[in-house]
Amino acid sequence: MNGNYLSNAGIFLVDFIFGLYILAVILRFLLQFVRADFYNPLAQAIVTITNPPLRPLRRIIPALRTLDTSSLVLMLILQIISTFLIFLLQGIAPNILGLVVTAIG
């Protein structure tokens, strides 16, 4: 019975932490899309938080006009990792295709 409570807490923590970071990446994507002023302290905080994983992705994945595709790919990767960890905590053996479909959904 106690393992169930711990797995529920783990699922909550994984979902919360990844969800918060995915929200920061979404905000950065939207700020770049609307060409917001990046001298705003909130915008600078979002850039500082999301810059470490986006910098290497930008070298690999080019932007399409004003669309920052590396942010979209990072969101998808983070959602896949989050879903993978949640499945593992529930004791489900995840399938790669199922992870991708669930992450896109």
N, C-alpha and C. Protein backbone atom coordinates (compact mmCIF):
# COMPACT_ATOMS: atom_id res chain seq x y z
N MET A 1 0.81 -1.19 0.00
CA MET A 1 0.00 0.00 0.00
C MET A 1 0.86 1.26 0.00
N ASN A 2 1.99 1.25 0.74
CA ASN A 2 2.82 2.45 0.82
C ASN A 2 3.52 2.74 -0.51
N GLY A 3 3.84 1.72 -1.28
CA GLY A 3 4.46 1.94 -2.57
C GLY A 3 3.55 2.71 -3.51
N ASN A 4 2.25 2.47 -3.38
CA ASN A 4 1.28 3.18 -4.21
C ASN A 4 1.29 4.67 -3.88
N TYR A 5 1.37 5.00 -2.59
CA TYR A 5 1.41 6.41 -2.19
C TYR A 5 2.68 7.08 -2.68
N LEU A 6 3.80 6.37 -2.59
CA LEU A 6 5.05 6.94 -3.06
C LEU A 6 5.06 7.11 -4.58
N SER A 7 4.47 6.17 -5.29
CA SER A 7 4.43 6.32 -6.74
C SER A 7 3.51 7.47 -7.14
N ASN A 8 2.41 7.66 -6.40
CA ASN A 8 1.54 8.80 -6.68
C ASN A 8 2.26 10.11 -6.43
N ALA A 9 3.04 10.19 -5.37
CA ALA A 9 3.82 11.39 -5.09
C ALA A 9 4.88 11.61 -6.17
N GLY A 10 5.51 10.54 -6.60
CA GLY A 10 6.51 10.65 -7.67
C GLY A 10 5.89 11.11 -8.97
N ILE A 11 4.72 10.57 -9.29
CA ILE A 11 4.02 10.99 -10.51
C ILE A 11 3.67 12.47 -10.44
N PHE A 12 3.19 12.91 -9.28
CA PHE A 12 2.86 14.32 -9.10
C PHE A 12 4.09 15.20 -9.29
N LEU A 13 5.21 14.81 -8.68
CA LEU A 13 6.44 15.62 -8.78
C LEU A 13 6.97 15.67 -10.21
N VAL A 14 6.99 14.54 -10.88
CA VAL A 14 7.47 14.50 -12.27
C VAL A 14 6.57 15.36 -13.14
N ASP A 15 5.27 15.21 -12.98
CA ASP A 15 4.32 15.98 -13.79
C ASP A 15 4.45 17.47 -13.51
N PHE A 16 4.60 17.84 -12.25
CA PHE A 16 4.68 19.25 -11.88
C PHE A 16 5.97 19.89 -12.39
N ILE A 17 7.11 19.24 -12.17
CA ILE A 17 8.39 19.82 -12.55
C ILE A 17 8.51 19.92 -14.07
N PHE A 18 8.19 18.85 -14.77
CA PHE A 18 8.26 18.90 -16.22
C PHE A 18 7.22 19.85 -16.79
N GLY A 19 6.04 19.89 -16.21
CA GLY A 19 5.00 20.81 -16.68
C GLY A 19 5.42 22.26 -16.51
N LEU A 20 6.07 22.57 -15.41
CA LEU A 20 6.54 23.93 -15.17
C LEU A 20 7.61 24.32 -16.18
N TYR A 21 8.52 23.42 -16.47
CA TYR A 21 9.59 23.74 -17.42
C TYR A 21 9.03 23.82 -18.84
N ILE A 22 8.09 22.96 -19.18
CA ILE A 22 7.46 23.02 -20.50
C ILE A 22 6.71 24.34 -20.64
N LEU A 23 6.08 24.81 -19.57
CA LEU A 23 5.41 26.11 -19.60
C LEU A 23 6.41 27.23 -19.88
N ALA A 24 7.59 27.16 -19.28
CA ALA A 24 8.62 28.18 -19.53
C ALA A 24 9.06 28.15 -20.99
N VAL A 25 9.19 26.97 -21.58
CA VAL A 25 9.58 26.86 -22.99
C VAL A 25 8.46 27.40 -23.88
N ILE A 26 7.21 27.12 -23.53
CA ILE A 26 6.09 27.65 -24.30
C ILE A 26 6.07 29.17 -24.24
N LEU A 27 6.31 29.73 -23.05
CA LEU A 27 6.35 31.18 -22.92
C LEU A 27 7.49 31.78 -23.76
N ARG A 28 8.64 31.14 -23.76
CA ARG A 28 9.74 31.63 -24.58
C ARG A 28 9.38 31.57 -26.06
N PHE A 29 8.76 30.48 -26.47
CA PHE A 29 8.33 30.35 -27.86
C PHE A 29 7.36 31.47 -28.23
N LEU A 30 6.38 31.72 -27.37
CA LEU A 30 5.40 32.77 -27.65
C LEU A 30 6.03 34.16 -27.62
N LEU A 31 6.95 34.40 -26.68
CA LEU A 31 7.62 35.70 -26.63
C LEU A 31 8.43 35.95 -27.89
N GLN A 32 9.08 34.93 -28.41
CA GLN A 32 9.83 35.10 -29.66
C GLN A 32 8.89 35.26 -30.85
N PHE A 33 7.77 34.58 -30.81
CA PHE A 33 6.82 34.63 -31.93
C PHE A 33 6.20 36.01 -32.06
N VAL A 34 5.87 36.64 -30.93
CA VAL A 34 5.26 37.98 -30.97
C VAL A 34 6.31 39.08 -30.91
N ARG A 35 7.59 38.71 -30.90
CA ARG A 35 8.71 39.65 -30.87
C ARG A 35 8.61 40.60 -29.67
N ALA A 36 8.48 40.00 -28.51
CA ALA A 36 8.37 40.76 -27.27
C ALA A 36 9.72 41.39 -26.92
N ASP A 37 9.66 42.38 -26.04
CA ASP A 37 10.86 43.07 -25.59
C ASP A 37 11.58 42.18 -24.58
N PHE A 38 12.80 41.76 -24.92
CA PHE A 38 13.54 40.85 -24.05
C PHE A 38 14.34 41.58 -22.98
N TYR A 39 14.13 42.88 -22.84
CA TYR A 39 14.74 43.61 -21.73
C TYR A 39 13.87 43.57 -20.48
N ASN A 40 12.69 43.01 -20.61
CA ASN A 40 11.80 42.82 -19.48
C ASN A 40 12.41 41.78 -18.54
N PRO A 41 12.41 42.03 -17.22
CA PRO A 41 13.02 41.06 -16.30
C PRO A 41 12.38 39.68 -16.35
N LEU A 42 11.07 39.60 -16.55
CA LEU A 42 10.41 38.30 -16.65
C LEU A 42 10.87 37.56 -17.90
N ALA A 43 10.97 38.28 -19.01
CA ALA A 43 11.45 37.66 -20.25
C ALA A 43 12.90 37.22 -20.10
N GLN A 44 13.71 38.01 -19.43
CA GLN A 44 15.10 37.63 -19.21
C GLN A 44 15.22 36.39 -18.34
N ALA A 45 14.34 36.27 -17.35
CA ALA A 45 14.35 35.08 -16.50
C ALA A 45 13.97 33.84 -17.31
N ILE A 46 12.98 33.97 -18.17
CA ILE A 46 12.56 32.83 -19.00
C ILE A 46 13.68 32.44 -19.95
N VAL A 47 14.36 33.42 -20.52
CA VAL A 47 15.47 33.13 -21.42
C VAL A 47 16.61 32.44 -20.66
N THR A 48 16.90 32.92 -19.46
CA THR A 48 17.97 32.33 -18.66
C THR A 48 17.66 30.88 -18.30
N ILE A 49 16.41 30.60 -17.98
CA ILE A 49 16.02 29.25 -17.58
C ILE A 49 16.03 28.28 -18.77
N THR A 50 15.58 28.75 -19.92
CA THR A 50 15.41 27.85 -21.06
C THR A 50 16.61 27.82 -22.00
N ASN A 51 17.58 28.69 -21.80
CA ASN A 51 18.71 28.77 -22.72
C ASN A 51 19.62 27.53 -22.72
N PRO A 52 19.95 26.91 -21.57
CA PRO A 52 20.88 25.76 -21.63
C PRO A 52 20.46 24.62 -22.55
N PRO A 53 19.22 24.15 -22.54
CA PRO A 53 18.90 23.07 -23.49
C PRO A 53 18.62 23.56 -24.90
N LEU A 54 18.23 24.84 -25.05
CA LEU A 54 17.91 25.34 -26.38
C LEU A 54 19.16 25.68 -27.20
N ARG A 55 20.22 26.09 -26.56
CA ARG A 55 21.42 26.49 -27.29
C ARG A 55 21.97 25.36 -28.16
N PRO A 56 22.14 24.12 -27.64
CA PRO A 56 22.62 23.05 -28.53
C PRO A 56 21.60 22.65 -29.59
N LEU A 57 20.32 22.74 -29.26
CA LEU A 57 19.29 22.38 -30.24
C LEU A 57 19.27 23.36 -31.41
N ARG A 58 19.54 24.61 -31.13
CA ARG A 58 19.53 25.63 -32.19
C ARG A 58 20.64 25.39 -33.21
N ARG A 59 21.73 24.77 -32.79
CA ARG A 59 22.81 24.46 -33.73
C ARG A 59 22.37 23.37 -34.71
N ILE A 60 21.49 22.48 -34.25
CA ILE A 60 21.07 21.35 -35.06
C ILE A 60 19.81 21.67 -35.86
N ILE A 61 18.84 22.33 -35.21
CA ILE A 61 17.53 22.56 -35.82
C ILE A 61 17.40 24.04 -36.18
N PRO A 62 17.25 24.34 -37.47
CA PRO A 62 17.12 25.74 -37.87
C PRO A 62 15.70 26.27 -37.62
N ALA A 63 15.60 27.58 -37.50
CA ALA A 63 14.29 28.22 -37.34
C ALA A 63 13.65 28.39 -38.72
N LEU A 64 12.34 28.33 -38.73
CA LEU A 64 11.60 28.57 -39.96
C LEU A 64 10.96 29.95 -39.88
N ARG A 65 11.56 30.90 -40.53
CA ARG A 65 11.13 32.30 -40.50
C ARG A 65 11.06 32.79 -39.06
N THR A 66 9.86 33.09 -38.55
CA THR A 66 9.72 33.55 -37.16
C THR A 66 9.37 32.41 -36.22
N LEU A 67 9.25 31.20 -36.74
CA LEU A 67 8.88 30.05 -35.93
C LEU A 67 10.13 29.38 -35.38
N ASP A 68 10.25 29.36 -34.07
CA ASP A 68 11.40 28.76 -33.41
C ASP A 68 11.15 27.26 -33.25
N THR A 69 11.61 26.49 -34.21
CA THR A 69 11.33 25.05 -34.22
C THR A 69 12.09 24.31 -33.13
N SER A 70 13.23 24.84 -32.70
CA SER A 70 13.98 24.17 -31.64
C SER A 70 13.20 24.19 -30.32
N SER A 71 12.44 25.24 -30.07
CA SER A 71 11.59 25.28 -28.87
C SER A 71 10.49 24.23 -28.96
N LEU A 72 9.92 24.09 -30.13
CA LEU A 72 8.86 23.08 -30.31
C LEU A 72 9.42 21.67 -30.12
N VAL A 73 10.61 21.42 -30.66
CA VAL A 73 11.23 20.10 -30.50
C VAL A 73 11.58 19.85 -29.04
N LEU A 74 12.08 20.89 -28.34
CA LEU A 74 12.39 20.74 -26.91
C LEU A 74 11.13 20.42 -26.11
N MET A 75 10.02 21.09 -26.42
CA MET A 75 8.76 20.79 -25.72
C MET A 75 8.35 19.34 -25.94
N LEU A 76 8.47 18.87 -27.17
CA LEU A 76 8.11 17.49 -27.47
C LEU A 76 9.02 16.50 -26.74
N ILE A 77 10.32 16.77 -26.73
CA ILE A 77 11.28 15.89 -26.04
C ILE A 77 10.98 15.85 -24.54
N LEU A 78 10.74 17.02 -23.95
CA LEU A 78 10.43 17.07 -22.52
C LEU A 78 9.13 16.33 -22.19
N GLN A 79 8.14 16.45 -23.06
CA GLN A 79 6.88 15.76 -22.82
C GLN A 79 7.06 14.25 -22.96
N ILE A 80 7.88 13.82 -23.90
CA ILE A 80 8.15 12.38 -24.06
C ILE A 80 8.85 11.84 -22.82
N ILE A 81 9.85 12.56 -22.32
CA ILE A 81 10.56 12.13 -21.11
C ILE A 81 9.62 12.09 -19.91
N SER A 82 8.78 13.09 -19.78
CA SER A 82 7.82 13.13 -18.67
C SER A 82 6.86 11.95 -18.73
N THR A 83 6.34 11.69 -19.92
CA THR A 83 5.41 10.57 -20.08
C THR A 83 6.11 9.24 -19.82
N PHE A 84 7.35 9.12 -20.27
CA PHE A 84 8.14 7.90 -20.03
C PHE A 84 8.32 7.66 -18.53
N LEU A 85 8.70 8.71 -17.79
CA LEU A 85 8.90 8.56 -16.35
C LEU A 85 7.59 8.24 -15.62
N ILE A 86 6.50 8.85 -16.03
CA ILE A 86 5.21 8.57 -15.41
C ILE A 86 4.79 7.13 -15.67
N PHE A 87 4.99 6.66 -16.90
CA PHE A 87 4.68 5.26 -17.20
C PHE A 87 5.52 4.31 -16.35
N LEU A 88 6.80 4.62 -16.21
CA LEU A 88 7.66 3.77 -15.39
C LEU A 88 7.22 3.76 -13.93
N LEU A 89 6.82 4.91 -13.40
CA LEU A 89 6.36 4.97 -12.02
C LEU A 89 5.06 4.19 -11.82
N GLN A 90 4.26 4.08 -12.86
CA GLN A 90 3.02 3.32 -12.78
C GLN A 90 3.24 1.84 -13.02
N GLY A 91 4.44 1.47 -13.44
CA GLY A 91 4.74 0.07 -13.69
C GLY A 91 4.33 -0.39 -15.07
N ILE A 92 4.18 0.54 -16.00
CA ILE A 92 3.80 0.21 -17.37
C ILE A 92 5.05 0.25 -18.24
N ALA A 93 5.21 -0.76 -19.07
CA ALA A 93 6.34 -0.78 -20.00
C ALA A 93 5.97 0.06 -21.22
N PRO A 94 6.58 1.25 -21.35
CA PRO A 94 6.18 2.15 -22.44
C PRO A 94 6.73 1.71 -23.80
N ASN A 95 5.94 1.96 -24.81
CA ASN A 95 6.31 1.73 -26.19
C ASN A 95 6.72 3.08 -26.78
N ILE A 96 7.74 3.11 -27.61
CA ILE A 96 8.26 4.37 -28.15
C ILE A 96 7.18 5.09 -28.97
N LEU A 97 6.49 4.39 -29.82
CA LEU A 97 5.44 5.01 -30.62
C LEU A 97 4.32 5.53 -29.74
N GLY A 98 3.96 4.76 -28.71
CA GLY A 98 2.93 5.22 -27.77
C GLY A 98 3.35 6.45 -27.02
N LEU A 99 4.64 6.55 -26.67
CA LEU A 99 5.15 7.75 -25.99
C LEU A 99 5.03 8.97 -26.88
N VAL A 100 5.40 8.82 -28.15
CA VAL A 100 5.34 9.96 -29.06
C VAL A 100 3.90 10.40 -29.29
N VAL A 101 3.01 9.45 -29.49
CA VAL A 101 1.60 9.79 -29.69
C VAL A 101 1.01 10.44 -28.45
N THR A 102 1.32 9.92 -27.28
CA THR A 102 0.83 10.51 -26.02
C THR A 102 1.41 11.89 -25.81
N ALA A 103 2.68 12.08 -26.13
CA ALA A 103 3.31 13.40 -25.95
C ALA A 103 2.72 14.44 -26.89
N ILE A 104 2.45 14.04 -28.12
CA ILE A 104 1.84 14.99 -29.06
C ILE A 104 0.42 15.32 -28.62
N GLY A 105 -0.28 14.32 -28.12
CA GLY A 105 -1.65 14.56 -27.64
C GLY A 105 -1.65 15.45 -26.45
